[in-house]
Amino acid sequence: MSEELNRLKQENSRLREIIGSWRRKAQEKNPYRNRLFKEGYNRMYSEHYKVYIVDYIPGDLDIKEVIEEIETKFMPTIRPFSFKRLDYSTKYKAWIVEVCRTKEYTKLREPFEVRWSE
């Protein structure tokens, strides 16, 4: 019984932190938006990548909650790209999310390798 009570207190504390983070973010009145920061092609890994500035997620939110938010709310909006990297930028005061797709770009790599191997 005591273990269950401690677990519930920890969960309550965790949820209070999450609610506080979202409340502070809402008081700043930032609209929901994602800005494309940069886009390119990485020939070494044969992938097309995009980097977004995601500023609707609070900066002081726990990283597990941020990842869950990115995977459930942000990623469905940018299909067929897949989640690759997540960083917090103090310059932009926002999360920087890198996404990529590799499937259809494998043919672009072949001429480069043939050219340099001769």
Protein backbone atom coordinates (compact mmCIF):
# COMPACT_ATOMS: atom_id res chain seq x y z
CA MET A 1 0.00 0.00 0.00
CA SER A 2 2.84 2.38 0.88
CA GLU A 3 4.63 1.68 -2.42
CA GLU A 4 1.45 2.41 -4.36
CA LEU A 5 0.98 5.68 -2.45
CA ASN A 6 4.58 6.74 -3.20
CA ARG A 7 4.14 5.88 -6.88
CA LEU A 8 0.93 7.92 -7.05
CA LYS A 9 2.62 10.90 -5.35
CA GLN A 10 5.48 10.76 -7.87
CA GLU A 11 3.02 10.58 -10.76
CA ASN A 12 1.07 13.51 -9.31
CA SER A 13 4.28 15.54 -9.05
CA ARG A 14 5.26 14.67 -12.62
CA LEU A 15 1.86 15.70 -13.96
CA ARG A 16 1.98 19.00 -12.02
CA GLU A 17 5.33 19.80 -13.66
CA ILE A 18 3.90 19.06 -17.10
CA ILE A 19 0.80 21.19 -16.51
CA GLY A 20 2.96 24.03 -15.19
CA SER A 21 5.18 23.92 -18.27
CA TRP A 22 2.20 24.10 -20.63
CA ARG A 23 0.58 26.89 -18.56
CA ARG A 24 3.74 29.00 -18.69
CA LYS A 25 3.95 28.44 -22.44
CA ALA A 26 0.27 29.37 -22.91
CA GLN A 27 0.75 32.62 -20.99
CA GLU A 28 3.38 33.67 -23.51
CA LYS A 29 0.58 33.36 -26.10
CA ASN A 30 2.76 31.73 -28.75
CA PRO A 31 0.69 30.39 -31.63
CA TYR A 32 1.10 26.80 -32.78
CA ARG A 33 3.53 26.89 -35.67
CA ASN A 34 6.47 25.00 -37.11
CA ARG A 35 9.07 26.84 -39.09
CA LEU A 36 11.27 25.10 -41.61
CA PHE A 37 14.79 26.15 -40.63
CA LYS A 38 16.81 24.35 -43.29
CA GLU A 39 16.56 21.56 -45.80
CA GLY A 40 19.15 19.57 -47.68
CA TYR A 41 20.53 16.31 -48.97
CA ASN A 42 23.24 14.32 -47.18
CA ARG A 43 25.04 12.38 -49.88
CA MET A 44 27.08 10.29 -47.44
CA TYR A 45 23.94 8.79 -45.89
CA SER A 46 21.80 9.25 -49.00
CA GLU A 47 19.06 11.07 -47.15
CA HIS A 48 16.89 14.11 -47.66
CA TYR A 49 16.62 16.01 -44.39
CA LYS A 50 14.66 18.93 -42.98
CA VAL A 51 15.22 20.84 -39.76
CA TYR A 52 12.22 22.50 -38.10
CA ILE A 53 11.98 25.03 -35.31
CA VAL A 54 9.11 23.81 -33.13
CA ASP A 55 8.22 26.58 -30.72
CA TYR A 56 4.83 25.48 -29.43
CA ILE A 57 6.35 22.97 -26.97
CA PRO A 58 7.56 24.44 -23.65
CA GLY A 59 11.32 24.52 -23.22
CA ASP A 60 11.21 23.36 -19.61
CA LEU A 61 9.14 20.26 -20.33
CA ASP A 62 10.72 16.90 -19.49
CA ILE A 63 12.48 15.35 -22.51
CA LYS A 64 10.29 12.22 -22.42
CA GLU A 65 7.19 14.38 -22.71
CA VAL A 66 8.75 16.41 -25.53
CA ILE A 67 9.55 13.25 -27.50
CA GLU A 68 6.01 11.96 -26.97
CA GLU A 69 4.58 15.29 -28.18
CA ILE A 70 6.85 15.28 -31.24
CA GLU A 71 5.95 11.71 -32.15
CA THR A 72 2.20 12.04 -31.63
CA LYS A 73 1.42 15.59 -32.80
CA PHE A 74 4.29 16.86 -34.97
CA MET A 75 5.43 13.81 -36.94
CA PRO A 76 2.01 12.99 -38.49
CA THR A 77 2.04 16.45 -40.10
CA ILE A 78 5.27 15.82 -42.03
CA ARG A 79 4.93 12.31 -43.37
CA PRO A 80 6.83 10.47 -45.07
CA PHE A 81 9.76 11.86 -43.06
CA SER A 82 10.97 10.03 -39.95
CA PHE A 83 12.19 11.48 -36.67
CA LYS A 84 15.99 11.68 -36.44
CA ARG A 85 17.17 14.22 -33.87
CA LEU A 86 15.92 16.63 -31.22
CA ASP A 87 17.75 19.56 -29.61
CA TYR A 88 16.75 22.62 -27.63
CA SER A 89 18.03 25.96 -28.92
CA THR A 90 18.53 28.80 -26.47
CA LYS A 91 18.95 31.16 -29.43
CA TYR A 92 15.45 30.45 -30.78
CA LYS A 93 13.99 29.41 -27.40
CA ALA A 94 12.46 26.45 -29.18
CA TRP A 95 12.99 22.79 -29.97
CA ILE A 96 14.95 21.97 -33.12
CA VAL A 97 13.68 18.78 -34.77
CA GLU A 98 15.57 17.07 -37.59
CA VAL A 99 13.66 14.65 -39.79
CA CYS A 100 14.81 12.63 -42.78
CA ARG A 101 13.79 10.20 -45.47
CA THR A 102 16.11 7.86 -47.33
CA LYS A 103 14.00 5.42 -49.30
CA GLU A 104 13.77 7.08 -52.70
CA TYR A 105 17.19 8.69 -52.77
CA THR A 106 19.39 5.61 -52.97
CA LYS A 107 19.73 5.95 -56.76
CA LEU A 108 21.33 9.40 -56.40
CA ARG A 109 24.29 7.93 -54.55
CA GLU A 110 25.46 5.47 -57.23
CA PRO A 111 26.90 7.90 -59.84
CA PHE A 112 28.93 9.67 -57.16
CA GLU A 113 30.50 6.43 -55.90
CA VAL A 114 31.22 5.19 -59.43
CA ARG A 115 32.80 8.50 -60.38
CA TRP A 116 35.16 8.54 -57.38
CA SER A 117 36.08 4.87 -57.48
CA GLU A 118 37.51 5.03 -61.02
